[in-house]
Amino acid sequence: LSTWTPIKSHMWISQCSQPSQGTHSSSRDRRARMEERAQKKEENWMKEQTRRRRVWRGSAQAFKCEIDRRLDDAEGNESTLLRIRAKQGKTRWLWSSRCLKG
């Protein structure tokens, strides 16, 4: 005859071996897990934003001169610094260079 045996599902075995809990407690646990995940996701996003954003405390011209100096462009002929739209009371600048991509 055949050597067929039924497949033993780990999921089915684990569900049968554990005592069942009330549906109310498991839905609360699920909600708590979802809230923890959302909070952790927000914390990770804030950490990433903190790492990404840089603030220059000096003038825009001093910033451009510093970048040009570090890129061996003493005259600053290879780069531009353009003022862009910002929130009221704030100033933002866009620096770009012919030598660098991206």
N, C-alpha and C. Protein backbone atom coordinates (compact mmCIF):
# COMPACT_ATOMS: atom_id res chain seq x y z
N LEU A 1 0.83 -1.17 0.00
CA LEU A 1 0.00 0.00 0.00
C LEU A 1 0.88 1.24 0.00
N SER A 2 0.37 2.41 0.38
CA SER A 2 1.18 3.62 0.29
C SER A 2 1.80 3.97 1.64
N THR A 3 2.83 4.84 1.59
CA THR A 3 3.52 5.27 2.82
C THR A 3 3.07 6.67 3.23
N TRP A 4 1.92 7.10 2.77
CA TRP A 4 1.44 8.45 3.03
C TRP A 4 1.11 8.64 4.50
N THR A 5 1.55 9.78 5.02
CA THR A 5 1.19 10.15 6.40
C THR A 5 0.73 11.60 6.38
N PRO A 6 -0.19 11.97 7.23
CA PRO A 6 -0.66 13.35 7.22
C PRO A 6 0.44 14.31 7.70
N ILE A 7 0.42 15.53 7.16
CA ILE A 7 1.41 16.54 7.52
C ILE A 7 1.07 17.08 8.90
N LYS A 8 2.09 17.19 9.73
CA LYS A 8 1.89 17.74 11.06
C LYS A 8 2.17 19.24 11.00
N SER A 9 1.18 20.01 11.20
CA SER A 9 1.31 21.47 11.15
C SER A 9 1.72 21.99 12.52
N HIS A 10 2.82 22.76 12.54
CA HIS A 10 3.29 23.32 13.80
C HIS A 10 2.27 24.30 14.37
N MET A 11 1.58 24.98 13.49
CA MET A 11 0.60 25.96 13.93
C MET A 11 -0.56 25.25 14.62
N TRP A 12 -1.02 24.16 14.05
CA TRP A 12 -2.14 23.43 14.63
C TRP A 12 -1.76 22.84 15.96
N ILE A 13 -0.55 22.31 16.07
CA ILE A 13 -0.09 21.70 17.31
C ILE A 13 0.04 22.76 18.40
N SER A 14 0.62 23.93 18.08
CA SER A 14 0.81 24.96 19.09
C SER A 14 -0.52 25.53 19.56
N GLN A 15 -1.50 25.61 18.67
CA GLN A 15 -2.80 26.12 19.08
C GLN A 15 -3.53 25.15 19.99
N CYS A 16 -3.37 23.87 19.73
CA CYS A 16 -4.07 22.87 20.54
C CYS A 16 -3.43 22.70 21.91
N SER A 17 -2.11 22.89 21.99
CA SER A 17 -1.42 22.62 23.24
C SER A 17 -1.56 23.77 24.23
N GLN A 18 -1.85 24.98 23.77
CA GLN A 18 -1.98 26.13 24.66
C GLN A 18 -3.42 26.27 25.12
N PRO A 19 -3.61 26.65 26.38
CA PRO A 19 -4.98 26.88 26.83
C PRO A 19 -5.53 28.14 26.16
N SER A 20 -6.78 28.13 25.85
CA SER A 20 -7.38 29.28 25.17
C SER A 20 -7.60 30.41 26.17
N GLN A 21 -7.44 31.63 25.67
CA GLN A 21 -7.68 32.80 26.49
C GLN A 21 -8.94 33.48 25.98
N GLY A 22 -9.46 34.38 26.79
CA GLY A 22 -10.65 35.13 26.38
C GLY A 22 -10.33 36.04 25.21
N THR A 23 -11.31 36.33 24.38
CA THR A 23 -11.06 37.16 23.21
C THR A 23 -10.77 38.59 23.59
N HIS A 24 -11.28 39.05 24.73
CA HIS A 24 -11.06 40.44 25.13
C HIS A 24 -9.61 40.70 25.47
N SER A 25 -8.97 39.79 26.17
CA SER A 25 -7.58 40.02 26.55
C SER A 25 -6.65 39.98 25.33
N SER A 26 -6.92 39.11 24.38
CA SER A 26 -6.06 39.04 23.20
C SER A 26 -6.21 40.28 22.32
N SER A 27 -7.42 40.84 22.24
CA SER A 27 -7.58 42.04 21.44
C SER A 27 -6.88 43.22 22.11
N ARG A 28 -6.89 43.27 23.45
CA ARG A 28 -6.15 44.32 24.15
C ARG A 28 -4.65 44.16 23.94
N ASP A 29 -4.19 42.92 23.99
CA ASP A 29 -2.77 42.66 23.75
C ASP A 29 -2.37 43.09 22.35
N ARG A 30 -3.20 42.79 21.38
CA ARG A 30 -2.92 43.16 19.99
C ARG A 30 -2.88 44.68 19.85
N ARG A 31 -3.83 45.36 20.47
CA ARG A 31 -3.88 46.82 20.40
C ARG A 31 -2.63 47.41 21.05
N ALA A 32 -2.21 46.85 22.17
CA ALA A 32 -1.00 47.34 22.85
C ALA A 32 0.23 47.13 21.97
N ARG A 33 0.32 45.96 21.31
CA ARG A 33 1.44 45.70 20.41
C ARG A 33 1.45 46.67 19.24
N MET A 34 0.28 46.95 18.69
CA MET A 34 0.19 47.90 17.57
C MET A 34 0.60 49.30 18.02
N GLU A 35 0.20 49.71 19.21
CA GLU A 35 0.59 51.03 19.73
C GLU A 35 2.09 51.10 19.97
N GLU A 36 2.67 50.02 20.51
CA GLU A 36 4.12 49.98 20.72
C GLU A 36 4.86 50.08 19.39
N ARG A 37 4.38 49.36 18.38
CA ARG A 37 5.00 49.42 17.05
C ARG A 37 4.94 50.82 16.48
N ALA A 38 3.79 51.47 16.59
CA ALA A 38 3.63 52.82 16.07
C ALA A 38 4.55 53.80 16.80
N GLN A 39 4.65 53.63 18.11
CA GLN A 39 5.52 54.51 18.89
C GLN A 39 6.98 54.29 18.52
N LYS A 40 7.39 53.04 18.35
CA LYS A 40 8.77 52.74 17.98
C LYS A 40 9.07 53.27 16.58
N LYS A 41 8.11 53.15 15.66
CA LYS A 41 8.29 53.66 14.30
C LYS A 41 8.49 55.17 14.33
N GLU A 42 7.70 55.87 15.15
CA GLU A 42 7.83 57.32 15.26
C GLU A 42 9.18 57.71 15.87
N GLU A 43 9.61 56.97 16.89
CA GLU A 43 10.92 57.24 17.51
C GLU A 43 12.05 57.04 16.50
N ASN A 44 11.99 55.97 15.71
CA ASN A 44 13.01 55.72 14.70
C ASN A 44 13.02 56.83 13.65
N TRP A 45 11.84 57.32 13.27
CA TRP A 45 11.74 58.40 12.29
C TRP A 45 12.39 59.66 12.85
N MET A 46 12.13 59.97 14.12
CA MET A 46 12.71 61.16 14.74
C MET A 46 14.23 61.03 14.82
N LYS A 47 14.74 59.86 15.15
CA LYS A 47 16.20 59.65 15.20
C LYS A 47 16.81 59.86 13.82
N GLU A 48 16.14 59.34 12.78
CA GLU A 48 16.65 59.51 11.42
C GLU A 48 16.67 60.99 11.04
N GLN A 49 15.60 61.71 11.36
CA GLN A 49 15.54 63.13 11.04
C GLN A 49 16.63 63.91 11.77
N THR A 50 16.89 63.54 13.00
CA THR A 50 17.94 64.21 13.78
C THR A 50 19.30 63.98 13.13
N ARG A 51 19.53 62.77 12.65
CA ARG A 51 20.81 62.48 11.99
C ARG A 51 20.93 63.19 10.65
N ARG A 52 19.83 63.36 9.94
CA ARG A 52 19.87 63.92 8.59
C ARG A 52 20.00 65.44 8.59
N ARG A 53 19.30 66.11 9.47
CA ARG A 53 19.26 67.57 9.43
C ARG A 53 20.49 68.15 10.09
N ARG A 54 21.04 69.14 9.44
CA ARG A 54 22.19 69.85 9.97
C ARG A 54 21.87 71.33 9.97
N VAL A 55 22.31 72.01 11.00
CA VAL A 55 22.06 73.44 11.11
C VAL A 55 23.40 74.16 11.14
N TRP A 56 23.54 75.14 10.27
CA TRP A 56 24.75 75.96 10.22
C TRP A 56 24.45 77.25 10.96
N ARG A 57 25.23 77.55 11.97
CA ARG A 57 24.96 78.71 12.82
C ARG A 57 25.51 80.01 12.23
N GLY A 58 26.42 79.93 11.27
CA GLY A 58 27.01 81.12 10.68
C GLY A 58 26.19 81.64 9.51
N SER A 59 26.78 82.53 8.75
CA SER A 59 26.09 83.10 7.59
C SER A 59 26.12 82.12 6.42
N ALA A 60 25.24 82.37 5.45
CA ALA A 60 25.18 81.51 4.27
C ALA A 60 26.46 81.61 3.46
N GLN A 61 27.02 82.81 3.37
CA GLN A 61 28.26 82.99 2.61
C GLN A 61 29.42 82.25 3.27
N ALA A 62 29.48 82.26 4.61
CA ALA A 62 30.53 81.53 5.33
C ALA A 62 30.38 80.02 5.09
N PHE A 63 29.14 79.54 5.03
CA PHE A 63 28.87 78.13 4.76
C PHE A 63 29.39 77.74 3.38
N LYS A 64 29.07 78.57 2.38
CA LYS A 64 29.52 78.29 1.02
C LYS A 64 31.05 78.30 0.94
N CYS A 65 31.68 79.26 1.59
CA CYS A 65 33.15 79.32 1.59
C CYS A 65 33.76 78.08 2.23
N GLU A 66 33.16 77.60 3.32
CA GLU A 66 33.67 76.40 4.01
C GLU A 66 33.55 75.17 3.12
N ILE A 67 32.42 75.00 2.47
CA ILE A 67 32.25 73.84 1.57
C ILE A 67 33.23 73.93 0.40
N ASP A 68 33.34 75.12 -0.20
CA ASP A 68 34.26 75.30 -1.32
C ASP A 68 35.70 75.02 -0.91
N ARG A 69 36.06 75.44 0.27
CA ARG A 69 37.42 75.20 0.77
C ARG A 69 37.68 73.70 0.91
N ARG A 70 36.71 72.99 1.46
CA ARG A 70 36.89 71.54 1.65
C ARG A 70 36.90 70.77 0.34
N LEU A 71 36.30 71.33 -0.71
CA LEU A 71 36.29 70.68 -2.02
C LEU A 71 37.39 71.22 -2.94
N ASP A 72 38.33 71.94 -2.38
CA ASP A 72 39.47 72.51 -3.13
C ASP A 72 39.01 73.41 -4.27
N ASP A 73 38.01 74.22 -4.01
CA ASP A 73 37.52 75.21 -4.97
C ASP A 73 37.57 76.57 -4.27
N ALA A 74 38.78 77.10 -4.11
CA ALA A 74 38.99 78.31 -3.33
C ALA A 74 38.19 79.50 -3.87
N GLU A 75 38.04 79.61 -5.17
CA GLU A 75 37.32 80.74 -5.76
C GLU A 75 35.81 80.55 -5.69
N GLY A 76 35.34 79.33 -5.54
CA GLY A 76 33.91 79.06 -5.49
C GLY A 76 33.24 79.10 -6.85
N ASN A 77 34.00 78.85 -7.90
CA ASN A 77 33.46 78.91 -9.26
C ASN A 77 32.63 77.68 -9.63
N GLU A 78 32.80 76.59 -8.92
CA GLU A 78 32.13 75.33 -9.28
C GLU A 78 30.80 75.13 -8.56
N SER A 79 30.43 76.03 -7.64
CA SER A 79 29.22 75.80 -6.86
C SER A 79 28.35 77.05 -6.80
N THR A 80 27.07 76.82 -6.46
CA THR A 80 26.13 77.92 -6.30
C THR A 80 25.36 77.73 -5.00
N LEU A 81 24.90 78.82 -4.44
CA LEU A 81 24.09 78.79 -3.22
C LEU A 81 22.85 79.64 -3.48
N LEU A 82 21.69 78.99 -3.54
CA LEU A 82 20.44 79.68 -3.86
C LEU A 82 19.52 79.68 -2.66
N ARG A 83 18.87 80.80 -2.41
CA ARG A 83 17.90 80.88 -1.34
C ARG A 83 16.60 80.26 -1.82
N ILE A 84 15.99 79.41 -0.99
CA ILE A 84 14.74 78.75 -1.35
C ILE A 84 13.66 79.09 -0.32
N ARG A 85 12.44 78.75 -0.65
CA ARG A 85 11.30 79.04 0.22
C ARG A 85 11.45 78.34 1.57
N ALA A 86 11.08 79.07 2.62
CA ALA A 86 11.18 78.52 3.97
C ALA A 86 10.00 79.02 4.80
N LYS A 87 9.85 78.46 5.98
CA LYS A 87 8.82 78.93 6.90
C LYS A 87 9.10 80.38 7.29
N GLN A 88 8.06 81.04 7.72
CA GLN A 88 8.20 82.43 8.11
C GLN A 88 9.18 82.54 9.28
N GLY A 89 10.13 83.44 9.15
CA GLY A 89 11.13 83.63 10.20
C GLY A 89 12.34 82.72 10.04
N LYS A 90 12.35 81.83 9.05
CA LYS A 90 13.46 80.91 8.83
C LYS A 90 14.08 81.18 7.46
N THR A 91 15.30 80.71 7.27
CA THR A 91 15.99 80.85 5.99
C THR A 91 16.52 79.49 5.57
N ARG A 92 16.32 79.13 4.30
CA ARG A 92 16.83 77.87 3.76
C ARG A 92 17.61 78.18 2.50
N TRP A 93 18.64 77.36 2.27
CA TRP A 93 19.49 77.53 1.11
C TRP A 93 19.70 76.20 0.42
N LEU A 94 19.90 76.25 -0.88
CA LEU A 94 20.19 75.05 -1.67
C LEU A 94 21.58 75.22 -2.26
N TRP A 95 22.48 74.35 -1.87
CA TRP A 95 23.85 74.38 -2.39
C TRP A 95 23.97 73.31 -3.45
N SER A 96 24.59 73.64 -4.58
CA SER A 96 24.83 72.64 -5.63
C SER A 96 26.20 72.90 -6.25
N SER A 97 26.74 71.85 -6.82
CA SER A 97 28.08 71.94 -7.41
C SER A 97 28.10 71.21 -8.74
N ARG A 98 28.86 71.70 -9.66
CA ARG A 98 29.01 71.02 -10.96
C ARG A 98 29.81 69.74 -10.81
N CYS A 99 30.70 69.71 -9.84
CA CYS A 99 31.61 68.56 -9.67
C CYS A 99 30.93 67.37 -9.00
N LEU A 100 29.88 67.60 -8.22
CA LEU A 100 29.25 66.52 -7.47
C LEU A 100 27.87 66.21 -8.02
N LYS A 101 27.53 64.93 -8.05
CA LYS A 101 26.22 64.50 -8.51
C LYS A 101 25.34 64.27 -7.29
N GLY A 102 24.03 64.49 -7.49
CA GLY A 102 23.08 64.16 -6.44
C GLY A 102 22.81 65.18 -5.42
